[in-house]
Amino acid sequence: MPQFLVTWLLTALALVVTVYIVPGLALPGGFAAALIAAIVLGFVNSTVRPILVVLTFPITIVSLGLFLFVINAIGILLVGYFSPGLTVDGFLPALVGSIVLSIVSGILNNLAGQDAKSN
């Protein structure tokens, strides 16, 4: 199976697990909605996130990198806004969801044998 399909499916699965764990996040459309949200998340992470990282670099340095969690939460909020299947009830669920999503994605990618350098 091509690498991008594996990454897409693992991201969708990580979203489902994250929504199950974090109150305030919902995927009313089930796994199909997670697949769409994973595409939107990939787009946000590849376009908007790098711009935000550059613009907030001084704040990130002062906070010793903790501000990156805020940037990830903004990404989750954007996915909730642009994706028809993911609903986000506010900033705090997005912040907790971004942390949980990072952990779950890391675990799933590790279990699937995906190398972080190849992504």
Protein backbone atom coordinates (compact mmCIF):
# COMPACT_ATOMS: atom_id res chain seq x y z
CA MET A 1 0.00 0.00 0.00
CA PRO A 2 1.39 3.45 -0.87
CA GLN A 3 2.84 5.44 2.03
CA PHE A 4 0.38 8.33 1.76
CA LEU A 5 -2.59 5.95 2.06
CA VAL A 6 -1.15 4.39 5.21
CA THR A 7 -0.52 7.85 6.67
CA TRP A 8 -4.04 8.97 5.74
CA LEU A 9 -5.68 5.93 7.33
CA LEU A 10 -3.55 6.17 10.47
CA THR A 11 -4.37 9.87 10.83
CA ALA A 12 -8.08 9.14 10.45
CA LEU A 13 -7.85 6.37 13.05
CA ALA A 14 -5.94 8.71 15.39
CA LEU A 15 -8.72 11.29 14.96
CA VAL A 16 -11.36 8.70 15.88
CA VAL A 17 -9.43 7.70 19.01
CA THR A 18 -8.85 11.35 19.95
CA VAL A 19 -12.54 12.20 19.57
CA TYR A 20 -13.37 9.22 21.77
CA ILE A 21 -10.97 10.41 24.50
CA VAL A 22 -11.46 14.20 24.45
CA PRO A 23 -14.83 15.68 25.43
CA GLY A 24 -15.75 18.63 23.24
CA LEU A 25 -14.65 16.97 20.00
CA ALA A 26 -17.12 15.01 17.87
CA LEU A 27 -17.17 13.13 14.57
CA PRO A 28 -20.89 12.74 13.87
CA GLY A 29 -20.18 11.20 10.47
CA GLY A 30 -18.08 8.35 11.86
CA PHE A 31 -14.99 7.03 10.11
CA ALA A 32 -15.96 8.58 6.76
CA ALA A 33 -15.94 12.00 8.42
CA ALA A 34 -12.57 11.14 9.97
CA LEU A 35 -11.16 10.40 6.52
CA ILE A 36 -12.28 13.81 5.27
CA ALA A 37 -11.00 15.53 8.43
CA ALA A 38 -7.64 13.76 7.98
CA ILE A 39 -7.32 15.26 4.49
CA VAL A 40 -8.16 18.73 5.83
CA LEU A 41 -5.72 18.23 8.72
CA GLY A 42 -2.97 17.30 6.28
CA PHE A 43 -3.69 20.42 4.24
CA VAL A 44 -3.71 22.67 7.32
CA ASN A 45 -0.49 21.11 8.63
CA SER A 46 1.27 21.58 5.30
CA THR A 47 0.10 25.13 4.53
CA VAL A 48 -1.14 27.14 7.50
CA ARG A 49 0.96 25.62 10.31
CA PRO A 50 4.38 26.54 8.82
CA ILE A 51 3.25 30.14 8.41
CA LEU A 52 2.06 30.28 12.02
CA VAL A 53 5.29 28.70 13.25
CA VAL A 54 7.38 31.36 11.49
CA LEU A 55 5.17 34.25 12.64
CA THR A 56 5.16 33.12 16.27
CA PHE A 57 8.79 32.05 16.47
CA PRO A 58 9.76 34.59 19.18
CA ILE A 59 6.84 33.50 21.39
CA THR A 60 7.76 29.87 20.83
CA ILE A 61 11.36 30.54 21.89
CA VAL A 62 10.30 32.40 25.05
CA SER A 63 7.84 29.63 25.98
CA LEU A 64 10.49 26.95 25.33
CA GLY A 65 8.38 25.43 22.57
CA LEU A 66 5.14 25.16 24.52
CA PHE A 67 3.44 27.67 22.22
CA LEU A 68 3.53 25.01 19.50
CA PHE A 69 0.65 23.34 21.36
CA VAL A 70 -1.37 26.53 20.81
CA ILE A 71 -0.49 26.46 17.10
CA ASN A 72 -1.61 22.83 16.91
CA ALA A 73 -4.86 23.77 18.67
CA ILE A 74 -5.45 26.51 16.10
CA GLY A 75 -4.93 23.85 13.43
CA ILE A 76 -7.57 21.63 15.05
CA LEU A 77 -9.96 24.59 15.21
CA LEU A 78 -9.38 25.25 11.50
CA VAL A 79 -10.03 21.59 10.68
CA GLY A 80 -13.26 21.80 12.67
CA TYR A 81 -14.25 24.91 10.74
CA PHE A 82 -13.42 23.61 7.26
CA SER A 83 -14.28 19.93 7.71
CA PRO A 84 -17.97 19.03 7.66
CA GLY A 85 -17.52 16.03 9.94
CA LEU A 86 -15.43 17.31 12.87
CA THR A 87 -16.99 19.57 15.47
CA VAL A 88 -14.88 21.40 18.04
CA ASP A 89 -16.61 23.01 21.03
CA GLY A 90 -13.93 25.57 21.80
CA PHE A 91 -10.27 26.28 22.29
CA LEU A 92 -9.69 24.04 25.32
CA PRO A 93 -10.98 20.87 23.61
CA ALA A 94 -8.85 21.80 20.59
CA LEU A 95 -5.78 22.24 22.80
CA VAL A 96 -6.27 18.95 24.65
CA GLY A 97 -7.23 17.28 21.37
CA SER A 98 -4.03 18.42 19.68
CA ILE A 99 -1.94 16.94 22.49
CA VAL A 100 -3.87 13.65 22.48
CA LEU A 101 -3.79 13.50 18.67
CA SER A 102 -0.01 13.91 18.68
CA ILE A 103 0.41 11.11 21.20
CA VAL A 104 -2.05 8.73 19.49
CA SER A 105 -0.58 9.44 16.04
CA GLY A 106 2.92 8.76 17.34
CA ILE A 107 1.84 5.46 18.88
CA LEU A 108 -0.05 4.34 15.77
CA ASN A 109 2.79 5.31 13.44
CA ASN A 110 5.23 3.44 15.66
CA LEU A 111 3.02 0.34 15.71
CA ALA A 112 2.64 0.50 11.93
CA GLY A 113 6.40 0.72 11.53
CA GLN A 114 6.36 4.12 9.87
CA ASP A 115 9.64 5.98 10.12
CA ALA A 116 9.19 9.59 11.26
CA LYS A 117 12.01 10.70 8.94
CA SER A 118 10.16 9.53 5.83
CA ASN A 119 7.05 11.68 6.48
